[in-house]
């Protein structure tokens, strides 16, 4: 194998690999967003409970879910799935 086929990192990329703080910062930010989505879910649940007479009971029985991914348009993401009943 010749040297031209080897992957080479730029100086900036090399700096990122050796500095783990940016990854911890990203994880901290995502955790704060997840907490905010939890607060939003609680508020949505209160609204749904007040409108309970107009909704199927299954709407209030399903629990919320926060999905996490790393590649939406190349970026990490969190999605609140609530309510999770769609019939």
Protein backbone atom coordinates (compact mmCIF):
# COMPACT_ATOMS: atom_id res chain seq x y z
CA UNK A 1 0.00 0.00 0.00
CA UNK A 2 1.43 3.39 -0.90
CA UNK A 3 1.35 6.50 1.27
CA UNK A 4 -1.13 8.33 -1.01
CA UNK A 5 -3.95 5.96 0.02
CA UNK A 6 -3.55 6.62 3.76
CA UNK A 7 -6.04 8.90 5.42
CA UNK A 8 -4.41 11.99 6.81
CA UNK A 9 -5.87 14.33 9.38
CA UNK A 10 -5.55 18.08 9.21
CA UNK A 11 -3.89 19.85 12.14
CA UNK A 12 -7.34 20.96 13.34
CA UNK A 13 -8.65 17.38 13.19
CA UNK A 14 -5.61 16.18 15.10
CA UNK A 15 -6.26 18.81 17.74
CA UNK A 16 -9.88 17.64 18.12
CA UNK A 17 -8.81 14.03 18.58
CA UNK A 18 -6.49 14.94 21.42
CA UNK A 19 -8.93 17.34 23.09
CA UNK A 20 -11.87 15.41 24.55
CA UNK A 21 -13.49 18.49 26.15
CA UNK A 22 -15.46 19.34 22.98
CA UNK A 23 -17.12 15.93 23.08
CA UNK A 24 -18.01 16.28 26.76
CA UNK A 25 -19.42 19.73 26.02
CA UNK A 26 -21.55 18.32 23.18
CA UNK A 27 -22.84 15.56 25.45
CA UNK A 28 -23.66 18.12 28.16
CA UNK A 29 -25.60 20.24 25.69
CA UNK A 30 -27.56 17.22 24.44
CA UNK A 31 -28.40 16.28 28.04
CA UNK A 32 -29.77 19.79 28.68
CA UNK A 33 -31.87 19.56 25.52
CA UNK A 34 -33.17 16.17 26.67
CA UNK A 35 -34.18 17.72 30.01
CA UNK A 36 -35.99 20.52 28.14
CA UNK A 37 -37.84 17.95 26.06
CA UNK A 38 -38.87 16.24 29.31
CA UNK A 39 -40.36 19.51 30.58
CA UNK A 40 -42.14 19.99 27.25
CA UNK A 41 -43.55 16.46 27.46
CA UNK A 42 -44.92 17.14 30.95
CA UNK A 43 -46.63 20.30 29.71
CA UNK A 44 -48.06 18.46 26.72
CA UNK A 45 -49.34 15.74 29.03
CA UNK A 46 -51.17 18.33 31.13
CA UNK A 47 -52.83 19.76 28.02
CA UNK A 48 -53.84 16.29 26.84
CA UNK A 49 -55.28 15.39 30.24
CA UNK A 50 -57.48 18.51 30.15
CA UNK A 51 -58.65 17.49 26.68
CA UNK A 52 -59.01 13.86 27.71
CA UNK A 53 -62.74 13.76 27.02
CA UNK A 54 -62.09 14.51 23.37
CA UNK A 55 -59.27 12.02 22.87
CA UNK A 56 -59.08 8.23 22.78
CA UNK A 57 -57.90 6.89 26.17
CA UNK A 58 -54.90 5.25 24.48
CA UNK A 59 -53.41 8.69 23.90
CA UNK A 60 -52.81 9.14 27.63
CA UNK A 61 -51.68 5.54 28.22
CA UNK A 62 -48.62 5.60 25.97
CA UNK A 63 -45.41 6.95 27.44
CA UNK A 64 -43.16 9.52 25.86
CA UNK A 65 -39.95 8.60 24.10
CA UNK A 66 -36.90 10.72 23.33
CA UNK A 67 -34.94 9.39 20.38
CA UNK A 68 -31.31 10.33 19.85
CA UNK A 69 -29.27 10.13 16.70
CA UNK A 70 -25.99 11.35 15.31
CA UNK A 71 -26.64 12.01 11.64
CA UNK A 72 -29.52 14.28 10.68
CA UNK A 73 -28.01 16.40 7.91
CA UNK A 74 -24.66 15.46 9.43
CA UNK A 75 -25.57 16.65 12.93
CA UNK A 76 -26.69 15.04 16.20
CA UNK A 77 -30.38 15.28 17.10
CA UNK A 78 -33.01 14.56 19.75
CA UNK A 79 -36.71 14.03 18.99
CA UNK A 80 -39.60 13.93 21.48
CA UNK A 81 -42.20 11.39 20.40
CA UNK A 82 -45.34 12.28 22.37
CA UNK A 83 -48.15 11.46 22.16
CA UNK A 84 -47.26 8.15 20.55
CA UNK A 85 -50.76 7.13 19.50
CA UNK A 86 -51.79 7.89 15.92
CA UNK A 87 -54.98 5.93 15.16
